[in-house]
PDB file of N, CA and C in Angstrom:
ATOM      1  N   UNK A   1     140.621 -68.674  68.024  1.00  0.00           N
ATOM      2  CA  UNK A   1     140.765 -69.962  66.022  1.00  0.00           C
ATOM      3  C   UNK A   1     139.470 -69.816  65.341  1.00  0.00           C
ATOM      4  N   UNK A   2     140.473 -69.482  64.209  1.00  0.00           N
ATOM      5  CA  UNK A   2     139.400 -68.434  63.326  1.00  0.00           C
ATOM      6  C   UNK A   2     138.999 -69.926  62.528  1.00  0.00           C
ATOM      7  N   UNK A   3     137.115 -70.291  62.347  1.00  0.00           N
ATOM      8  CA  UNK A   3     137.147 -71.224  61.645  1.00  0.00           C
ATOM      9  C   UNK A   3     136.821 -71.518  61.025  1.00  0.00           C
ATOM     10  N   UNK A   4     136.347 -70.720  60.065  1.00  0.00           N
ATOM     11  CA  UNK A   4     135.804 -70.035  58.675  1.00  0.00           C
ATOM     12  C   UNK A   4     137.439 -70.846  58.613  1.00  0.00           C
ATOM     13  N   UNK A   5     138.303 -69.881  58.817  1.00  0.00           N
ATOM     14  CA  UNK A   5     139.694 -69.986  58.030  1.00  0.00           C
ATOM     15  C   UNK A   5     139.777 -71.562  57.593  1.00  0.00           C
ATOM     16  N   UNK A   6     139.811 -72.072  59.383  1.00  0.00           N
ATOM     17  CA  UNK A   6     140.294 -72.686  58.747  1.00  0.00           C
ATOM     18  C   UNK A   6     139.712 -74.434  57.746  1.00  0.00           C
ATOM     19  N   UNK A   7     138.192 -74.226  58.079  1.00  0.00           N
ATOM     20  CA  UNK A   7     137.353 -74.662  56.943  1.00  0.00           C
ATOM     21  C   UNK A   7     137.671 -74.039  55.610  1.00  0.00           C
ATOM     22  N   UNK A   8     138.130 -72.720  55.236  1.00  0.00           N
ATOM     23  CA  UNK A   8     138.577 -72.348  54.053  1.00  0.00           C
ATOM     24  C   UNK A   8     139.963 -73.161  53.217  1.00  0.00           C
ATOM     25  N   UNK A   9     140.728 -73.933  54.729  1.00  0.00           N
ATOM     26  CA  UNK A   9     142.118 -74.643  53.818  1.00  0.00           C
ATOM     27  C   UNK A   9     141.738 -75.662  54.195  1.00  0.00           C
ATOM     28  N   UNK A  10     140.569 -75.779  54.255  1.00  0.00           N
ATOM     29  CA  UNK A  10     140.530 -77.139  55.448  1.00  0.00           C
ATOM     30  C   UNK A  10     141.281 -78.804  55.032  1.00  0.00           C
ATOM     31  N   UNK A  11     140.581 -78.517  53.340  1.00  0.00           N
ATOM     32  CA  UNK A  11     141.392 -79.665  52.342  1.00  0.00           C
ATOM     33  C   UNK A  11     142.784 -79.454  52.056  1.00  0.00           C
ATOM     34  N   UNK A  12     143.583 -77.859  51.926  1.00  0.00           N
ATOM     35  CA  UNK A  12     144.851 -77.742  51.667  1.00  0.00           C
ATOM     36  C   UNK A  12     145.370 -78.342  52.745  1.00  0.00           C
ATOM     37  N   UNK A  13     144.840 -78.554  54.780  1.00  0.00           N
ATOM     38  CA  UNK A  13     145.744 -79.063  55.805  1.00  0.00           C
ATOM     39  C   UNK A  13     145.345 -80.643  55.711  1.00  0.00           C
ATOM     40  N   UNK A  14     143.936 -80.672  55.215  1.00  0.00           N
ATOM     41  CA  UNK A  14     143.757 -82.625  54.868  1.00  0.00           C
ATOM     42  C   UNK A  14     145.466 -83.218  53.656  1.00  0.00           C
ATOM     43  N   UNK A  15     145.334 -82.257  53.381  1.00  0.00           N
ATOM     44  CA  UNK A  15     146.506 -83.130  51.987  1.00  0.00           C
ATOM     45  C   UNK A  15     147.650 -83.189  52.402  1.00  0.00           C
ATOM     46  N   UNK A  16     147.882 -81.736  53.001  1.00  0.00           N
ATOM     47  CA  UNK A  16     149.462 -81.813  53.928  1.00  0.00           C
ATOM     48  C   UNK A  16     149.410 -83.184  55.066  1.00  0.00           C
ATOM     49  N   UNK A  17     148.568 -83.136  55.136  1.00  0.00           N
ATOM     50  CA  UNK A  17     148.342 -84.022  56.579  1.00  0.00           C
ATOM     51  C   UNK A  17     148.773 -85.104  56.614  1.00  0.00           C
ATOM     52  N   UNK A  18     147.922 -85.503  54.796  1.00  0.00           N
ATOM     53  CA  UNK A  18     147.953 -87.214  54.539  1.00  0.00           C
ATOM     54  C   UNK A  18     149.526 -87.881  53.538  1.00  0.00           C
ATOM     55  N   UNK A  19     149.877 -86.617  52.917  1.00  0.00           N
ATOM     56  CA  UNK A  19     151.257 -86.145  52.595  1.00  0.00           C
ATOM     57  C   UNK A  19     152.192 -86.797  53.679  1.00  0.00           C
ATOM     58  N   UNK A  20     152.032 -86.041  54.470  1.00  0.00           N
ATOM     59  CA  UNK A  20     153.544 -86.175  55.705  1.00  0.00           C
ATOM     60  C   UNK A  20     153.124 -88.126  56.795  1.00  0.00           C
ATOM     61  N   UNK A  21     151.911 -88.283  56.608  1.00  0.00           N
ATOM     62  CA  UNK A  21     151.929 -89.439  57.200  1.00  0.00           C
ATOM     63  C   UNK A  21     152.534 -90.640  56.119  1.00  0.00           C
ATOM     64  N   UNK A  22     153.772 -90.551  55.867  1.00  0.00           N
ATOM     65  CA  UNK A  22     154.555 -92.011  56.210  1.00  0.00           C
ATOM     66  C   UNK A  22     155.387 -91.275  56.229  1.00  0.00           C
ATOM     67  N   UNK A  23     157.198 -91.787  57.451  1.00  0.00           N
ATOM     68  CA  UNK A  23     157.681 -92.109  58.028  1.00  0.00           C
ATOM     69  C   UNK A  23     158.734 -91.518  56.654  1.00  0.00           C
ATOM     70  N   UNK A  24     158.731 -92.020  55.370  1.00  0.00           N
ATOM     71  CA  UNK A  24     160.296 -91.347  54.440  1.00  0.00           C
ATOM     72  C   UNK A  24     159.343 -89.974  53.166  1.00  0.00           C
ATOM     73  N   UNK A  25     158.112 -89.822  54.150  1.00  0.00           N
ATOM     74  CA  UNK A  25     157.496 -88.921  53.412  1.00  0.00           C
ATOM     75  C   UNK A  25     158.603 -87.833  54.448  1.00  0.00           C
ATOM     76  N   UNK A  26     157.866 -87.430  55.643  1.00  0.00           N
ATOM     77  CA  UNK A  26     158.276 -86.904  56.536  1.00  0.00           C
ATOM     78  C   UNK A  26     160.290 -86.560  57.355  1.00  0.00           C
ATOM     79  N   UNK A  27     160.639 -87.699  56.191  1.00  0.00           N
ATOM     80  CA  UNK A  27     162.009 -87.327  56.430  1.00  0.00           C
ATOM     81  C   UNK A  27     162.990 -86.384  55.570  1.00  0.00           C
ATOM     82  N   UNK A  28     162.511 -87.072  53.976  1.00  0.00           N
ATOM     83  CA  UNK A  28     162.178 -86.377  53.473  1.00  0.00           C
ATOM     84  C   UNK A  28     162.610 -85.024  53.437  1.00  0.00           C
ATOM     85  N   UNK A  29     161.235 -84.325  53.481  1.00  0.00           N
ATOM     86  CA  UNK A  29     160.685 -82.779  53.993  1.00  0.00           C
ATOM     87  C   UNK A  29     160.750 -82.363  55.522  1.00  0.00           C
ATOM     88  N   UNK A  30     161.712 -82.854  56.178  1.00  0.00           N
ATOM     89  CA  UNK A  30     162.976 -82.586  57.863  1.00  0.00           C
ATOM     90  C   UNK A  30     164.224 -82.402  56.971  1.00  0.00           C
ATOM     91  N   UNK A  31     164.573 -83.428  55.200  1.00  0.00           N
ATOM     92  CA  UNK A  31     165.969 -82.915  54.828  1.00  0.00           C
ATOM     93  C   UNK A  31     166.209 -81.335  54.805  1.00  0.00           C
ATOM     94  N   UNK A  32     164.992 -81.567  53.685  1.00  0.00           N
ATOM     95  CA  UNK A  32     164.902 -80.226  53.097  1.00  0.00           C
ATOM     96  C   UNK A  32     164.522 -79.133  53.818  1.00  0.00           C
ATOM     97  N   UNK A  33     164.511 -79.595  55.524  1.00  0.00           N
ATOM     98  CA  UNK A  33     164.562 -78.146  55.636  1.00  0.00           C
ATOM     99  C   UNK A  33     165.735 -77.261  55.873  1.00  0.00           C
ATOM    100  N   UNK A  34     167.059 -78.311  55.930  1.00  0.00           N
ATOM    101  CA  UNK A  34     168.107 -77.712  55.982  1.00  0.00           C
ATOM    102  C   UNK A  34     168.519 -76.491  54.101  1.00  0.00           C
ATOM    103  N   UNK A  35     167.990 -77.050  53.667  1.00  0.00           N
ATOM    104  CA  UNK A  35     168.012 -76.176  52.229  1.00  0.00           C
ATOM    105  C   UNK A  35     167.815 -77.519  51.587  1.00  0.00           C
ATOM    106  N   UNK A  36     167.485 -76.569  50.224  1.00  0.00           N
ATOM    107  CA  UNK A  36     167.679 -77.322  48.652  1.00  0.00           C
ATOM    108  C   UNK A  36     168.566 -78.991  48.122  1.00  0.00           C
ATOM    109  N   UNK A  37     168.050 -80.504  48.108  1.00  0.00           N
ATOM    110  CA  UNK A  37     168.924 -81.639  47.815  1.00  0.00           C
ATOM    111  C   UNK A  37     168.885 -81.902  46.467  1.00  0.00           C
ATOM    112  N   UNK A  38     169.914 -82.330  46.381  1.00  0.00           N
ATOM    113  CA  UNK A  38     169.379 -82.860  44.525  1.00  0.00           C
ATOM    114  C   UNK A  38     169.042 -85.022  44.277  1.00  0.00           C
ATOM    115  N   UNK A  39     168.110 -85.315  44.072  1.00  0.00           N
ATOM    116  CA  UNK A  39     167.800 -86.226  44.605  1.00  0.00           C
ATOM    117  C   UNK A  39     169.224 -87.781  44.975  1.00  0.00           C
ATOM    118  N   UNK A  40     170.699 -87.673  43.893  1.00  0.00           N
ATOM    119  CA  UNK A  40     171.133 -88.536  45.450  1.00  0.00           C
ATOM    120  C   UNK A  40     171.821 -88.172  46.609  1.00  0.00           C
ATOM    121  N   UNK A  41     171.971 -87.382  47.213  1.00  0.00           N
ATOM    122  CA  UNK A  41     172.059 -86.439  48.920  1.00  0.00           C
ATOM    123  C   UNK A  41     170.598 -87.497  49.227  1.00  0.00           C
ATOM    124  N   UNK A  42     169.637 -86.825  48.932  1.00  0.00           N
ATOM    125  CA  UNK A  42     168.077 -86.642  50.453  1.00  0.00           C
ATOM    126  C   UNK A  42     168.114 -89.293  49.816  1.00  0.00           C
ATOM    127  N   UNK A  43     168.597 -90.119  48.335  1.00  0.00           N
ATOM    128  CA  UNK A  43     168.809 -90.988  48.277  1.00  0.00           C
ATOM    129  C   UNK A  43     169.323 -91.516  49.507  1.00  0.00           C
ATOM    130  N   UNK A  44     171.244 -90.770  49.904  1.00  0.00           N
ATOM    131  CA  UNK A  44     171.778 -91.194  51.450  1.00  0.00           C
ATOM    132  C   UNK A  44     171.424 -90.854  52.378  1.00  0.00           C
ATOM    133  N   UNK A  45     170.052 -89.536  52.746  1.00  0.00           N
ATOM    134  CA  UNK A  45     169.561 -89.720  53.845  1.00  0.00           C
ATOM    135  C   UNK A  45     168.563 -90.596  54.233  1.00  0.00           C
ATOM    136  N   UNK A  46     168.170 -91.175  53.443  1.00  0.00           N
ATOM    137  CA  UNK A  46     166.629 -91.778  53.458  1.00  0.00           C
ATOM    138  C   UNK A  46     166.424 -92.641  53.067  1.00  0.00           C
ATOM    139  N   UNK A  47     167.380 -93.125  52.530  1.00  0.00           N
ATOM    140  CA  UNK A  47     168.165 -94.974  53.106  1.00  0.00           C
ATOM    141  C   UNK A  47     167.010 -95.668  51.455  1.00  0.00           C
ATOM    142  N   UNK A  48     166.461 -94.757  51.222  1.00  0.00           N
ATOM    143  CA  UNK A  48     165.190 -95.699  50.203  1.00  0.00           C
ATOM    144  C   UNK A  48     166.394 -95.605  49.021  1.00  0.00           C
ATOM    145  N   UNK A  49     165.937 -96.085  47.575  1.00  0.00           N
ATOM    146  CA  UNK A  49     165.531 -96.602  46.130  1.00  0.00           C
ATOM    147  C   UNK A  49     165.532 -95.526  44.733  1.00  0.00           C
ATOM    148  N   UNK A  50     166.388 -95.169  44.374  1.00  0.00           N
ATOM    149  CA  UNK A  50     166.254 -93.725  43.455  1.00  0.00           C
ATOM    150  C   UNK A  50     164.698 -94.224  42.889  1.00  0.00           C
ATOM    151  N   UNK A  51     163.940 -95.264  42.684  1.00  0.00           N
ATOM    152  CA  UNK A  51     162.846 -95.035  41.882  1.00  0.00           C
ATOM    153  C   UNK A  51     161.858 -94.983  43.111  1.00  0.00           C
ATOM    154  N   UNK A  52     162.119 -95.981  44.398  1.00  0.00           N
ATOM    155  CA  UNK A  52     160.954 -95.621  44.870  1.00  0.00           C
ATOM    156  C   UNK A  52     161.239 -93.580  46.241  1.00  0.00           C
ATOM    157  N   UNK A  53     162.641 -93.588  45.481  1.00  0.00           N
ATOM    158  CA  UNK A  53     162.526 -92.134  46.115  1.00  0.00           C
ATOM    159  C   UNK A  53     161.887 -91.764  45.401  1.00  0.00           C
ATOM    160  N   UNK A  54     162.546 -91.331  43.850  1.00  0.00           N
ATOM    161  CA  UNK A  54     160.835 -90.883  43.138  1.00  0.00           C
ATOM    162  C   UNK A  54     159.689 -90.875  43.201  1.00  0.00           C
ATOM    163  N   UNK A  55     158.708 -92.214  43.289  1.00  0.00           N
ATOM    164  CA  UNK A  55     157.727 -92.097  43.472  1.00  0.00           C
ATOM    165  C   UNK A  55     156.714 -91.269  44.739  1.00  0.00           C
ATOM    166  N   UNK A  56     157.980 -91.171  46.295  1.00  0.00           N
ATOM    167  CA  UNK A  56     157.974 -90.235  47.118  1.00  0.00           C
ATOM    168  C   UNK A  56     157.827 -88.422  46.664  1.00  0.00           C
ATOM    169  N   UNK A  57     158.952 -88.526  46.299  1.00  0.00           N
ATOM    170  CA  UNK A  57     159.240 -87.140  45.809  1.00  0.00           C
ATOM    171  C   UNK A  57     157.669 -86.284  44.633  1.00  0.00           C
ATOM    172  N   UNK A  58     157.834 -87.243  43.740  1.00  0.00           N
ATOM    173  CA  UNK A  58     156.270 -86.594  43.214  1.00  0.00           C
ATOM    174  C   UNK A  58     155.081 -86.577  43.908  1.00  0.00           C
ATOM    175  N   UNK A  59     154.642 -87.680  44.871  1.00  0.00           N
ATOM    176  CA  UNK A  59     153.561 -87.272  45.383  1.00  0.00           C
ATOM    177  C   UNK A  59     153.856 -86.050  46.668  1.00  0.00           C
ATOM    178  N   UNK A  60     154.566 -85.552  46.741  1.00  0.00           N
ATOM    179  CA  UNK A  60     155.764 -84.052  47.079  1.00  0.00           C
ATOM    180  C   UNK A  60     155.445 -83.289  46.395  1.00  0.00           C
ATOM    181  N   UNK A  61     155.408 -83.280  45.378  1.00  0.00           N
ATOM    182  CA  UNK A  61     155.339 -82.545  44.265  1.00  0.00           C
ATOM    183  C   UNK A  61     153.974 -82.180  43.547  1.00  0.00           C
ATOM    184  N   UNK A  62     153.747 -82.687  43.720  1.00  0.00           N
ATOM    185  CA  UNK A  62     151.598 -83.077  43.447  1.00  0.00           C
ATOM    186  C   UNK A  62     151.866 -82.253  44.986  1.00  0.00           C
ATOM    187  N   UNK A  63     152.103 -82.438  46.165  1.00  0.00           N
ATOM    188  CA  UNK A  63     150.947 -82.381  46.972  1.00  0.00           C
ATOM    189  C   UNK A  63     151.402 -80.780  46.639  1.00  0.00           C
ATOM    190  N   UNK A  64     152.262 -79.874  46.072  1.00  0.00           N
ATOM    191  CA  UNK A  64     152.736 -79.159  46.445  1.00  0.00           C
ATOM    192  C   UNK A  64     153.853 -78.675  46.997  1.00  0.00           C
ATOM    193  N   UNK A  65     154.507 -79.921  47.923  1.00  0.00           N
ATOM    194  CA  UNK A  65     154.661 -79.663  48.953  1.00  0.00           C
ATOM    195  C   UNK A  65     156.622 -79.467  49.327  1.00  0.00           C
ATOM    196  N   UNK A  66     157.061 -79.822  47.709  1.00  0.00           N
ATOM    197  CA  UNK A  66     158.185 -79.494  47.350  1.00  0.00           C
ATOM    198  C   UNK A  66     158.252 -79.206  45.667  1.00  0.00           C
ATOM    199  N   UNK A  67     159.142 -78.117  45.910  1.00  0.00           N
ATOM    200  CA  UNK A  67     159.262 -77.450  44.260  1.00  0.00           C
ATOM    201  C   UNK A  67     160.769 -77.375  43.987  1.00  0.00           C
ATOM    202  N   UNK A  68     160.975 -77.946  42.648  1.00  0.00           N
ATOM    203  CA  UNK A  68     162.406 -78.259  41.668  1.00  0.00           C
ATOM    204  C   UNK A  68     163.176 -77.242  41.083  1.00  0.00           C
ATOM    205  N   UNK A  69     163.904 -77.448  40.390  1.00  0.00           N
ATOM    206  CA  UNK A  69     164.987 -75.595  39.800  1.00  0.00           C
ATOM    207  C   UNK A  69     166.475 -77.408  39.460  1.00  0.00           C
ATOM    208  N   UNK A  70     165.801 -77.565  37.560  1.00  0.00           N
ATOM    209  CA  UNK A  70     167.612 -77.428  36.872  1.00  0.00           C
ATOM    210  C   UNK A  70     168.337 -77.329  36.563  1.00  0.00           C
ATOM    211  N   UNK A  71     169.490 -77.979  37.070  1.00  0.00           N
ATOM    212  CA  UNK A  71     170.406 -77.687  37.274  1.00  0.00           C
ATOM    213  C   UNK A  71     171.343 -78.998  35.763  1.00  0.00           C
ATOM    214  N   UNK A  72     171.686 -78.271  34.919  1.00  0.00           N
ATOM    215  CA  UNK A  72     172.013 -79.511  33.428  1.00  0.00           C
ATOM    216  C   UNK A  72     171.623 -80.675  34.219  1.00  0.00           C
ATOM    217  N   UNK A  73     171.596 -82.282  34.552  1.00  0.00           N
ATOM    218  CA  UNK A  73     171.067 -83.254  34.664  1.00  0.00           C
ATOM    219  C   UNK A  73     170.581 -83.457  35.455  1.00  0.00           C
ATOM    220  N   UNK A  74     170.429 -82.420  36.782  1.00  0.00           N
ATOM    221  CA  UNK A  74     171.270 -82.592  38.364  1.00  0.00           C
ATOM    222  C   UNK A  74     169.432 -81.669  38.865  1.00  0.00           C
ATOM    223  N   UNK A  75     168.080 -82.532  39.208  1.00  0.00           N
ATOM    224  CA  UNK A  75     167.088 -81.698  39.947  1.00  0.00           C
ATOM    225  C   UNK A  75     167.459 -81.534  41.409  1.00  0.00           C
ATOM    226  N   UNK A  76     167.326 -80.159  42.023  1.00  0.00           N
ATOM    227  CA  UNK A  76     167.123 -79.924  43.482  1.00  0.00           C
ATOM    228  C   UNK A  76     165.690 -80.065  43.350  1.00  0.00           C
ATOM    229  N   UNK A  77     165.576 -80.996  44.897  1.00  0.00           N
ATOM    230  CA  UNK A  77     164.306 -80.281  45.052  1.00  0.00           C
ATOM    231  C   UNK A  77     164.654 -79.024  46.811  1.00  0.00           C
ATOM    232  N   UNK A  78     163.432 -79.041  46.892  1.00  0.00           N
ATOM    233  CA  UNK A  78     163.658 -77.771  47.677  1.00  0.00           C
ATOM    234  C   UNK A  78     161.645 -77.360  48.585  1.00  0.00           C
ATOM    235  N   UNK A  79     162.158 -76.848  49.711  1.00  0.00           N
ATOM    236  CA  UNK A  79     160.004 -76.659  50.217  1.00  0.00           C
ATOM    237  C   UNK A  79     159.434 -76.039  49.467  1.00  0.00           C
ATOM    238  N   UNK A  80     158.613 -76.280  48.966  1.00  0.00           N
ATOM    239  CA  UNK A  80     158.319 -74.829  48.416  1.00  0.00           C
ATOM    240  C   UNK A  80     157.738 -73.513  48.715  1.00  0.00           C
ATOM    241  N   UNK A  81     157.654 -73.431  50.498  1.00  0.00           N
ATOM    242  CA  UNK A  81     156.914 -72.397  50.915  1.00  0.00           C
ATOM    243  C   UNK A  81     157.386 -71.909  52.052  1.00  0.00           C
ATOM    244  N   UNK A  82     157.210 -70.520  52.402  1.00  0.00           N
ATOM    245  CA  UNK A  82     157.413 -70.691  54.295  1.00  0.00           C
ATOM    246  C   UNK A  82     156.871 -71.084  54.666  1.00  0.00           C
ATOM    247  N   UNK A  83     155.066 -70.893  53.966  1.00  0.00           N
ATOM    248  CA  UNK A  83     154.930 -72.232  55.277  1.00  0.00           C
ATOM    249  C   UNK A  83     154.468 -72.748  55.201  1.00  0.00           C
ATOM    250  N   UNK A  84     154.677 -74.509  54.170  1.00  0.00           N
ATOM    251  CA  UNK A  84     155.470 -75.754  54.384  1.00  0.00           C
ATOM    252  C   UNK A  84     157.030 -74.854  55.276  1.00  0.00           C
ATOM    253  N   UNK A  85     157.835 -74.854  55.160  1.00  0.00           N
ATOM    254  CA  UNK A  85     159.119 -73.773  55.765  1.00  0.00           C
ATOM    255  C   UNK A  85     158.405 -74.249  57.511  1.00  0.00           C
ATOM    256  N   UNK A  86     157.777 -73.742  58.032  1.00  0.00           N
ATOM    257  CA  UNK A  86     156.627 -73.193  58.865  1.00  0.00           C
ATOM    258  C   UNK A  86     155.955 -74.873  59.582  1.00  0.00           C
ATOM    259  N   UNK A  87     155.755 -75.291  59.266  1.00  0.00           N
ATOM    260  CA  UNK A  87     155.150 -76.454  59.006  1.00  0.00           C
ATOM    261  C   UNK A  87     156.304 -77.091  59.471  1.00  0.00           C
ATOM    262  N   UNK A  88     157.295 -77.487  58.899  1.00  0.00           N
ATOM    263  CA  UNK A  88     158.265 -78.519  58.746  1.00  0.00           C
ATOM    264  C   UNK A  88     159.401 -78.131  59.993  1.00  0.00           C
ATOM    265  N   UNK A  89     159.599 -77.066  60.495  1.00  0.00           N
ATOM    266  CA  UNK A  89     160.182 -76.684  62.275  1.00  0.00           C
ATOM    267  C   UNK A  89     159.816 -77.144  62.434  1.00  0.00           C
ATOM    268  N   UNK A  90     158.702 -77.062  62.913  1.00  0.00           N
ATOM    269  CA  UNK A  90     157.750 -77.362  64.259  1.00  0.00           C
ATOM    270  C   UNK A  90     158.268 -78.657  64.130  1.00  0.00           C
ATOM    271  N   UNK A  91     157.274 -79.853  63.249  1.00  0.00           N
ATOM    272  CA  UNK A  91     156.963 -80.685  63.469  1.00  0.00           C
ATOM    273  C   UNK A  91     159.000 -81.213  63.883  1.00  0.00           C
ATOM    274  N   UNK A  92     159.450 -81.388  63.720  1.00  0.00           N
ATOM    275  CA  UNK A  92     160.796 -81.988  63.530  1.00  0.00           C
ATOM    276  C   UNK A  92     161.294 -81.298  64.574  1.00  0.00           C
ATOM    277  N   UNK A  93     161.273 -79.570  64.548  1.00  0.00           N
ATOM    278  CA  UNK A  93     161.391 -79.568  67.134  1.00  0.00           C
ATOM    279  C   UNK A  93     160.527 -80.214  67.050  1.00  0.00           C
ATOM    280  N   UNK A  94     159.139 -80.858  67.296  1.00  0.00           N
ATOM    281  CA  UNK A  94     158.397 -81.686  67.800  1.00  0.00           C
ATOM    282  C   UNK A  94     159.050 -83.493  68.299  1.00  0.00           C
ATOM    283  N   UNK A  95     159.595 -83.106  66.971  1.00  0.00           N
ATOM    284  CA  UNK A  95     160.489 -85.077  67.394  1.00  0.00           C
ATOM    285  C   UNK A  95     161.315 -84.664  68.349  1.00  0.00           C
ATOM    286  N   UNK A  96     161.617 -83.573  67.222  1.00  0.00           N
ATOM    287  CA  UNK A  96     164.102 -83.858  68.430  1.00  0.00           C
ATOM    288  C   UNK A  96     163.570 -83.822  69.244  1.00  0.00           C
ATOM    289  N   UNK A  97     162.161 -83.305  70.187  1.00  0.00           N
ATOM    290  CA  UNK A  97     162.704 -83.380  71.794  1.00  0.00           C
ATOM    291  C   UNK A  97     162.096 -84.641  72.351  1.00  0.00           C
ATOM    292  N   UNK A  98     161.500 -85.712  71.550  1.00  0.00           N
ATOM    293  CA  UNK A  98     161.564 -86.221  72.662  1.00  0.00           C
ATOM    294  C   UNK A  98     162.255 -87.604  72.267  1.00  0.00           C
TER     295      UNK A  98
END
């Protein structure tokens, strides 16, 4: 294990873990592992009001864990990049194995 690499990226790792340390945000991220979703789809999947969901999505955007795409009036959310995808795949597989 390269301690220097961990040290160089420690702040990013801490921010990632803090963002995922909420059950609803973790559920949102696991839902996005299956592909991009619009707000309405996420609302149904995570059982949150639109305002609560928007706050969680804003946090995930701010922490650069999700990206957005607009199609007319609809905003679609997806995992930011391949690294985030790999992390979420590992976490969701751990959850699924319990």
